[in-house]
Amino acid sequence: MWKDGRSFSVDEVIESSGFGIMSRGRQSARYRVRFGRHETDLYLERRAPDPAQGTEERLMWWVYAYDVTKIREASC
């Protein structure tokens, strides 16, 4: 779900990778997914627990998003 309340259902998982190596307390897995006619990569990030900070393991989904705004040309 986006911050503005929009949400999208995944129609198909096309490809997936397992979790990579742990780097700075984080690991990521990539999922190539399709929703409607669009394909994109979703990432699942695993953050290791940090006893010094008192935090537990955390899983978080994310996607690279690009804000594309089309400028309308004035009609003459």
PDB file of N, CA and C in Angstrom:
ATOM      1  N   MET A   1       0.853  -1.179   0.000  1.00  0.00           N
ATOM      2  CA  MET A   1       0.000   0.000   0.000  1.00  0.00           C
ATOM      3  C   MET A   1       0.895   1.238   0.000  1.00  0.00           C
ATOM      4  N   TRP A   2       0.580   2.183  -0.877  1.00  0.00           N
ATOM      5  CA  TRP A   2       1.319   3.430  -0.970  1.00  0.00           C
ATOM      6  C   TRP A   2       0.878   4.382   0.131  1.00  0.00           C
ATOM      7  N   LYS A   3       1.684   5.403   0.370  1.00  0.00           N
ATOM      8  CA  LYS A   3       1.357   6.396   1.397  1.00  0.00           C
ATOM      9  C   LYS A   3       0.037   7.097   1.115  1.00  0.00           C
ATOM     10  N   ASP A   4      -0.311   7.238  -0.182  1.00  0.00           N
ATOM     11  CA  ASP A   4      -1.554   7.931  -0.533  1.00  0.00           C
ATOM     12  C   ASP A   4      -2.772   6.999  -0.501  1.00  0.00           C
ATOM     13  N   GLY A   5      -2.577   5.749  -0.051  1.00  0.00           N
ATOM     14  CA  GLY A   5      -3.702   4.831   0.111  1.00  0.00           C
ATOM     15  C   GLY A   5      -3.922   3.865  -1.035  1.00  0.00           C
ATOM     16  N   ARG A   6      -3.243   4.070  -2.170  1.00  0.00           N
ATOM     17  CA  ARG A   6      -3.394   3.137  -3.291  1.00  0.00           C
ATOM     18  C   ARG A   6      -2.729   1.813  -2.943  1.00  0.00           C
ATOM     19  N   SER A   7      -3.301   0.729  -3.461  1.00  0.00           N
ATOM     20  CA  SER A   7      -2.685  -0.578  -3.276  1.00  0.00           C
ATOM     21  C   SER A   7      -2.816  -1.384  -4.559  1.00  0.00           C
ATOM     22  N   PHE A   8      -1.932  -2.351  -4.746  1.00  0.00           N
ATOM     23  CA  PHE A   8      -1.886  -3.152  -5.954  1.00  0.00           C
ATOM     24  C   PHE A   8      -1.736  -4.612  -5.574  1.00  0.00           C
ATOM     25  N   SER A   9      -2.471  -5.480  -6.232  1.00  0.00           N
ATOM     26  CA  SER A   9      -2.355  -6.916  -5.996  1.00  0.00           C
ATOM     27  C   SER A   9      -1.389  -7.516  -7.010  1.00  0.00           C
ATOM     28  N   VAL A  10      -0.539  -8.409  -6.544  1.00  0.00           N
ATOM     29  CA  VAL A  10       0.402  -9.094  -7.415  1.00  0.00           C
ATOM     30  C   VAL A  10      -0.346 -10.224  -8.108  1.00  0.00           C
ATOM     31  N   ASP A  11      -0.303 -10.248  -9.441  1.00  0.00           N
ATOM     32  CA  ASP A  11      -0.962 -11.297 -10.215  1.00  0.00           C
ATOM     33  C   ASP A  11      -0.079 -12.527 -10.393  1.00  0.00           C
ATOM     34  N   GLU A  12       1.235 -12.307 -10.468  1.00  0.00           N
ATOM     35  CA  GLU A  12       2.139 -13.430 -10.729  1.00  0.00           C
ATOM     36  C   GLU A  12       3.536 -13.104 -10.220  1.00  0.00           C
ATOM     37  N   VAL A  13       4.177 -14.088  -9.585  1.00  0.00           N
ATOM     38  CA  VAL A  13       5.599 -13.985  -9.245  1.00  0.00           C
ATOM     39  C   VAL A  13       6.339 -14.659 -10.390  1.00  0.00           C
ATOM     40  N   ILE A  14       7.086 -13.882 -11.155  1.00  0.00           N
ATOM     41  CA  ILE A  14       7.769 -14.369 -12.349  1.00  0.00           C
ATOM     42  C   ILE A  14       9.085 -15.040 -11.996  1.00  0.00           C
ATOM     43  N   GLU A  15       9.804 -14.461 -11.052  1.00  0.00           N
ATOM     44  CA  GLU A  15      11.136 -14.951 -10.690  1.00  0.00           C
ATOM     45  C   GLU A  15      11.438 -14.500  -9.270  1.00  0.00           C
ATOM     46  N   SER A  16      12.238 -15.286  -8.564  1.00  0.00           N
ATOM     47  CA  SER A  16      12.640 -14.866  -7.222  1.00  0.00           C
ATOM     48  C   SER A  16      14.066 -15.310  -6.941  1.00  0.00           C
ATOM     49  N   SER A  17      14.707 -14.589  -6.058  1.00  0.00           N
ATOM     50  CA  SER A  17      16.055 -14.946  -5.615  1.00  0.00           C
ATOM     51  C   SER A  17      16.001 -15.123  -4.108  1.00  0.00           C
ATOM     52  N   GLY A  18      16.877 -15.934  -3.589  1.00  0.00           N
ATOM     53  CA  GLY A  18      16.950 -16.086  -2.146  1.00  0.00           C
ATOM     54  C   GLY A  18      17.622 -14.867  -1.526  1.00  0.00           C
ATOM     55  N   PHE A  19      17.715 -14.875  -0.221  1.00  0.00           N
ATOM     56  CA  PHE A  19      18.393 -13.783   0.459  1.00  0.00           C
ATOM     57  C   PHE A  19      19.880 -13.812   0.124  1.00  0.00           C
ATOM     58  N   GLY A  20      20.433 -12.640  -0.117  1.00  0.00           N
ATOM     59  CA  GLY A  20      21.867 -12.505  -0.399  1.00  0.00           C
ATOM     60  C   GLY A  20      22.661 -12.522   0.896  1.00  0.00           C
ATOM     61  N   ILE A  21      23.912 -12.128   0.806  1.00  0.00           N
ATOM     62  CA  ILE A  21      24.770 -12.105   1.989  1.00  0.00           C
ATOM     63  C   ILE A  21      24.355 -10.963   2.911  1.00  0.00           C
ATOM     64  N   MET A  22      24.619 -11.137   4.189  1.00  0.00           N
ATOM     65  CA  MET A  22      24.319 -10.112   5.187  1.00  0.00           C
ATOM     66  C   MET A  22      25.338  -8.989   5.041  1.00  0.00           C
ATOM     67  N   SER A  23      24.853  -7.763   4.917  1.00  0.00           N
ATOM     68  CA  SER A  23      25.717  -6.594   4.809  1.00  0.00           C
ATOM     69  C   SER A  23      25.158  -5.495   5.704  1.00  0.00           C
ATOM     70  N   ARG A  24      25.949  -5.035   6.622  1.00  0.00           N
ATOM     71  CA  ARG A  24      25.537  -3.998   7.582  1.00  0.00           C
ATOM     72  C   ARG A  24      24.242  -4.375   8.301  1.00  0.00           C
ATOM     73  N   GLY A  25      24.117  -5.661   8.619  1.00  0.00           N
ATOM     74  CA  GLY A  25      22.952  -6.124   9.364  1.00  0.00           C
ATOM     75  C   GLY A  25      21.696  -6.291   8.532  1.00  0.00           C
ATOM     76  N   ARG A  26      21.837  -6.306   7.193  1.00  0.00           N
ATOM     77  CA  ARG A  26      20.676  -6.419   6.311  1.00  0.00           C
ATOM     78  C   ARG A  26      20.923  -7.438   5.207  1.00  0.00           C
ATOM     79  N   GLN A  27      19.848  -8.107   4.803  1.00  0.00           N
ATOM     80  CA  GLN A  27      19.849  -9.009   3.659  1.00  0.00           C
ATOM     81  C   GLN A  27      18.622  -8.689   2.819  1.00  0.00           C
ATOM     82  N   SER A  28      18.728  -8.874   1.509  1.00  0.00           N
ATOM     83  CA  SER A  28      17.587  -8.613   0.634  1.00  0.00           C
ATOM     84  C   SER A  28      17.340  -9.788  -0.299  1.00  0.00           C
ATOM     85  N   ALA A  29      16.071 -10.042  -0.572  1.00  0.00           N
ATOM     86  CA  ALA A  29      15.653 -11.012  -1.584  1.00  0.00           C
ATOM     87  C   ALA A  29      14.851 -10.227  -2.616  1.00  0.00           C
ATOM     88  N   ARG A  30      15.001 -10.612  -3.906  1.00  0.00           N
ATOM     89  CA  ARG A  30      14.309  -9.902  -4.977  1.00  0.00           C
ATOM     90  C   ARG A  30      13.242 -10.797  -5.587  1.00  0.00           C
ATOM     91  N   TYR A  31      12.085 -10.208  -5.856  1.00  0.00           N
ATOM     92  CA  TYR A  31      10.978 -10.901  -6.504  1.00  0.00           C
ATOM     93  C   TYR A  31      10.559 -10.096  -7.733  1.00  0.00           C
ATOM     94  N   ARG A  32      10.631 -10.716  -8.907  1.00  0.00           N
ATOM     95  CA  ARG A  32      10.135 -10.084 -10.143  1.00  0.00           C
ATOM     96  C   ARG A  32       8.658 -10.438 -10.216  1.00  0.00           C
ATOM     97  N   VAL A  33       7.780  -9.417 -10.207  1.00  0.00           N
ATOM     98  CA  VAL A  33       6.334  -9.662 -10.141  1.00  0.00           C
ATOM     99  C   VAL A  33       5.603  -8.939 -11.267  1.00  0.00           C
ATOM    100  N   ARG A  34       4.395  -9.419 -11.530  1.00  0.00           N
ATOM    101  CA  ARG A  34       3.524  -8.788 -12.519  1.00  0.00           C
ATOM    102  C   ARG A  34       2.220  -8.429 -11.836  1.00  0.00           C
ATOM    103  N   PHE A  35       1.773  -7.215 -12.084  1.00  0.00           N
ATOM    104  CA  PHE A  35       0.427  -6.813 -11.692  1.00  0.00           C
ATOM    105  C   PHE A  35      -0.165  -6.085 -12.885  1.00  0.00           C
ATOM    106  N   GLY A  36      -1.295  -6.614 -13.357  1.00  0.00           N
ATOM    107  CA  GLY A  36      -1.849  -6.093 -14.604  1.00  0.00           C
ATOM    108  C   GLY A  36      -0.865  -6.339 -15.728  1.00  0.00           C
ATOM    109  N   ARG A  37      -0.584  -5.310 -16.517  1.00  0.00           N
ATOM    110  CA  ARG A  37       0.394  -5.421 -17.614  1.00  0.00           C
ATOM    111  C   ARG A  37       1.768  -4.900 -17.212  1.00  0.00           C
ATOM    112  N   HIS A  38       1.971  -4.630 -15.943  1.00  0.00           N
ATOM    113  CA  HIS A  38       3.225  -4.045 -15.468  1.00  0.00           C
ATOM    114  C   HIS A  38       4.062  -5.084 -14.736  1.00  0.00           C
ATOM    115  N   GLU A  39       5.366  -5.027 -14.964  1.00  0.00           N
ATOM    116  CA  GLU A  39       6.313  -5.863 -14.235  1.00  0.00           C
ATOM    117  C   GLU A  39       7.242  -4.953 -13.447  1.00  0.00           C
ATOM    118  N   THR A  40       7.620  -5.403 -12.262  1.00  0.00           N
ATOM    119  CA  THR A  40       8.562  -4.644 -11.444  1.00  0.00           C
ATOM    120  C   THR A  40       9.261  -5.586 -10.483  1.00  0.00           C
ATOM    121  N   ASP A  41      10.265  -5.091  -9.799  1.00  0.00           N
ATOM    122  CA  ASP A  41      10.972  -5.864  -8.786  1.00  0.00           C
ATOM    123  C   ASP A  41      10.520  -5.414  -7.410  1.00  0.00           C
ATOM    124  N   LEU A  42      10.113  -6.385  -6.581  1.00  0.00           N
ATOM    125  CA  LEU A  42       9.822  -6.136  -5.178  1.00  0.00           C
ATOM    126  C   LEU A  42      10.974  -6.709  -4.377  1.00  0.00           C
ATOM    127  N   TYR A  43      11.313  -6.064  -3.292  1.00  0.00           N
ATOM    128  CA  TYR A  43      12.409  -6.527  -2.453  1.00  0.00           C
ATOM    129  C   TYR A  43      11.890  -6.799  -1.052  1.00  0.00           C
ATOM    130  N   LEU A  44      12.360  -7.890  -0.467  1.00  0.00           N
ATOM    131  CA  LEU A  44      12.072  -8.195   0.929  1.00  0.00           C
ATOM    132  C   LEU A  44      13.385  -8.055   1.675  1.00  0.00           C
ATOM    133  N   GLU A  45      13.415  -7.129   2.615  1.00  0.00           N
ATOM    134  CA  GLU A  45      14.645  -6.859   3.370  1.00  0.00           C
ATOM    135  C   GLU A  45      14.507  -7.435   4.767  1.00  0.00           C
ATOM    136  N   ARG A  46      15.531  -8.163   5.177  1.00  0.00           N
ATOM    137  CA  ARG A  46      15.587  -8.720   6.533  1.00  0.00           C
ATOM    138  C   ARG A  46      16.634  -7.931   7.309  1.00  0.00           C
ATOM    139  N   ARG A  47      16.204  -7.318   8.384  1.00  0.00           N
ATOM    140  CA  ARG A  47      17.131  -6.577   9.245  1.00  0.00           C
ATOM    141  C   ARG A  47      17.392  -7.418  10.488  1.00  0.00           C
ATOM    142  N   ALA A  48      18.662  -7.641  10.764  1.00  0.00           N
ATOM    143  CA  ALA A  48      19.056  -8.470  11.906  1.00  0.00           C
ATOM    144  C   ALA A  48      18.710  -7.772  13.223  1.00  0.00           C
ATOM    145  N   PRO A  49      18.450  -8.554  14.260  1.00  0.00           N
ATOM    146  CA  PRO A  49      18.203  -7.935  15.567  1.00  0.00           C
ATOM    147  C   PRO A  49      19.461  -7.241  16.077  1.00  0.00           C
ATOM    148  N   ASP A  50      19.275  -6.200  16.853  1.00  0.00           N
ATOM    149  CA  ASP A  50      20.400  -5.465  17.438  1.00  0.00           C
ATOM    150  C   ASP A  50      20.159  -5.349  18.941  1.00  0.00           C
ATOM    151  N   PRO A  51      20.731  -6.283  19.704  1.00  0.00           N
ATOM    152  CA  PRO A  51      20.520  -6.268  21.157  1.00  0.00           C
ATOM    153  C   PRO A  51      20.949  -4.963  21.823  1.00  0.00           C
ATOM    154  N   ALA A  52      21.981  -4.315  21.281  1.00  0.00           N
ATOM    155  CA  ALA A  52      22.447  -3.051  21.858  1.00  0.00           C
ATOM    156  C   ALA A  52      21.378  -1.971  21.731  1.00  0.00           C
ATOM    157  N   GLN A  53      20.604  -2.005  20.647  1.00  0.00           N
ATOM    158  CA  GLN A  53      19.531  -1.036  20.425  1.00  0.00           C
ATOM    159  C   GLN A  53      18.190  -1.546  20.954  1.00  0.00           C
ATOM    160  N   GLY A  54      18.154  -2.820  21.322  1.00  0.00           N
ATOM    161  CA  GLY A  54      16.909  -3.406  21.813  1.00  0.00           C
ATOM    162  C   GLY A  54      15.905  -3.692  20.702  1.00  0.00           C
ATOM    163  N   THR A  55      16.383  -3.879  19.461  1.00  0.00           N
ATOM    164  CA  THR A  55      15.475  -4.144  18.348  1.00  0.00           C
ATOM    165  C   THR A  55      15.478  -5.628  17.992  1.00  0.00           C
ATOM    166  N   GLU A  56      14.338  -6.099  17.506  1.00  0.00           N
ATOM    167  CA  GLU A  56      14.194  -7.480  17.072  1.00  0.00           C
ATOM    168  C   GLU A  56      14.383  -7.564  15.563  1.00  0.00           C
ATOM    169  N   GLU A  57      14.455  -8.794  15.041  1.00  0.00           N
ATOM    170  CA  GLU A  57      14.533  -8.973  13.590  1.00  0.00           C
ATOM    171  C   GLU A  57      13.311  -8.319  12.953  1.00  0.00           C
ATOM    172  N   ARG A  58      13.518  -7.706  11.786  1.00  0.00           N
ATOM    173  CA  ARG A  58      12.430  -6.997  11.112  1.00  0.00           C
ATOM    174  C   ARG A  58      12.440  -7.343   9.628  1.00  0.00           C
ATOM    175  N   LEU A  59      11.262  -7.601   9.069  1.00  0.00           N
ATOM    176  CA  LEU A  59      11.092  -7.837   7.645  1.00  0.00           C
ATOM    177  C   LEU A  59      10.339  -6.661   7.055  1.00  0.00           C
ATOM    178  N   MET A  60      10.814  -6.180   5.893  1.00  0.00           N
ATOM    179  CA  MET A  60      10.190  -5.002   5.286  1.00  0.00           C
ATOM    180  C   MET A  60      10.192  -5.171   3.768  1.00  0.00           C
ATOM    181  N   TRP A  61       9.022  -4.980   3.132  1.00  0.00           N
ATOM    182  CA  TRP A  61       8.894  -5.001   1.677  1.00  0.00           C
ATOM    183  C   TRP A  61       9.130  -3.607   1.139  1.00  0.00           C
ATOM    184  N   TRP A  62       9.783  -3.494  -0.028  1.00  0.00           N
ATOM    185  CA  TRP A  62       9.955  -2.192  -0.667  1.00  0.00           C
ATOM    186  C   TRP A  62      10.116  -2.369  -2.164  1.00  0.00           C
ATOM    187  N   VAL A  63       9.909  -1.280  -2.870  1.00  0.00           N
ATOM    188  CA  VAL A  63      10.022  -1.256  -4.329  1.00  0.00           C
ATOM    189  C   VAL A  63      10.596   0.094  -4.722  1.00  0.00           C
ATOM    190  N   TYR A  64      11.430   0.095  -5.763  1.00  0.00           N
ATOM    191  CA  TYR A  64      11.870   1.377  -6.307  1.00  0.00           C
ATOM    192  C   TYR A  64      10.675   1.995  -7.013  1.00  0.00           C
ATOM    193  N   ALA A  65      10.392   3.232  -6.734  1.00  0.00           N
ATOM    194  CA  ALA A  65       9.256   3.916  -7.366  1.00  0.00           C
ATOM    195  C   ALA A  65       9.755   5.204  -7.997  1.00  0.00           C
ATOM    196  N   TYR A  66       9.229   5.482  -9.147  1.00  0.00           N
ATOM    197  CA  TYR A  66       9.594   6.698  -9.858  1.00  0.00           C
ATOM    198  C   TYR A  66       8.347   7.542 -10.024  1.00  0.00           C
ATOM    199  N   ASP A  67       8.433   8.789  -9.666  1.00  0.00           N
ATOM    200  CA  ASP A  67       7.315   9.705  -9.834  1.00  0.00           C
ATOM    201  C   ASP A  67       7.462  10.346 -11.206  1.00  0.00           C
ATOM    202  N   VAL A  68       6.547  10.028 -12.084  1.00  0.00           N
ATOM    203  CA  VAL A  68       6.598  10.557 -13.445  1.00  0.00           C
ATOM    204  C   VAL A  68       5.406  11.478 -13.638  1.00  0.00           C
ATOM    205  N   THR A  69       5.690  12.703 -13.929  1.00  0.00           N
ATOM    206  CA  THR A  69       4.635  13.678 -14.161  1.00  0.00           C
ATOM    207  C   THR A  69       4.705  14.129 -15.609  1.00  0.00           C
ATOM    208  N   LYS A  70       3.607  14.000 -16.306  1.00  0.00           N
ATOM    209  CA  LYS A  70       3.566  14.434 -17.698  1.00  0.00           C
ATOM    210  C   LYS A  70       3.047  15.862 -17.736  1.00  0.00           C
ATOM    211  N   ILE A  71       3.723  16.687 -18.507  1.00  0.00           N
ATOM    212  CA  ILE A  71       3.314  18.079 -18.656  1.00  0.00           C
ATOM    213  C   ILE A  71       2.414  18.184 -19.870  1.00  0.00           C
ATOM    214  N   ARG A  72       1.250  18.716 -19.672  1.00  0.00           N
ATOM    215  CA  ARG A  72       0.305  18.898 -20.767  1.00  0.00           C
ATOM    216  C   ARG A  72       0.678  20.115 -21.576  1.00  0.00           C
ATOM    217  N   GLU A  73       0.668  19.946 -22.882  1.00  0.00           N
ATOM    218  CA  GLU A  73       0.930  21.088 -23.748  1.00  0.00           C
ATOM    219  C   GLU A  73      -0.335  21.904 -23.889  1.00  0.00           C
ATOM    220  N   ALA A  74      -0.178  23.196 -23.867  1.00  0.00           N
ATOM    221  CA  ALA A  74      -1.331  24.096 -24.037  1.00  0.00           C
ATOM    222  C   ALA A  74      -1.846  23.983 -25.461  1.00  0.00           C
ATOM    223  N   SER A  75      -3.151  23.871 -25.624  1.00  0.00           N
ATOM    224  CA  SER A  75      -3.696  23.798 -26.978  1.00  0.00           C
ATOM    225  C   SER A  75      -3.894  25.204 -27.529  1.00  0.00           C
ATOM    226  N   CYS A  76      -3.643  25.358 -28.816  1.00  0.00           N
ATOM    227  CA  CYS A  76      -3.730  26.674 -29.466  1.00  0.00           C
ATOM    228  C   CYS A  76      -5.023  26.859 -30.159  1.00  0.00           C
TER     229      CYS A  76
END
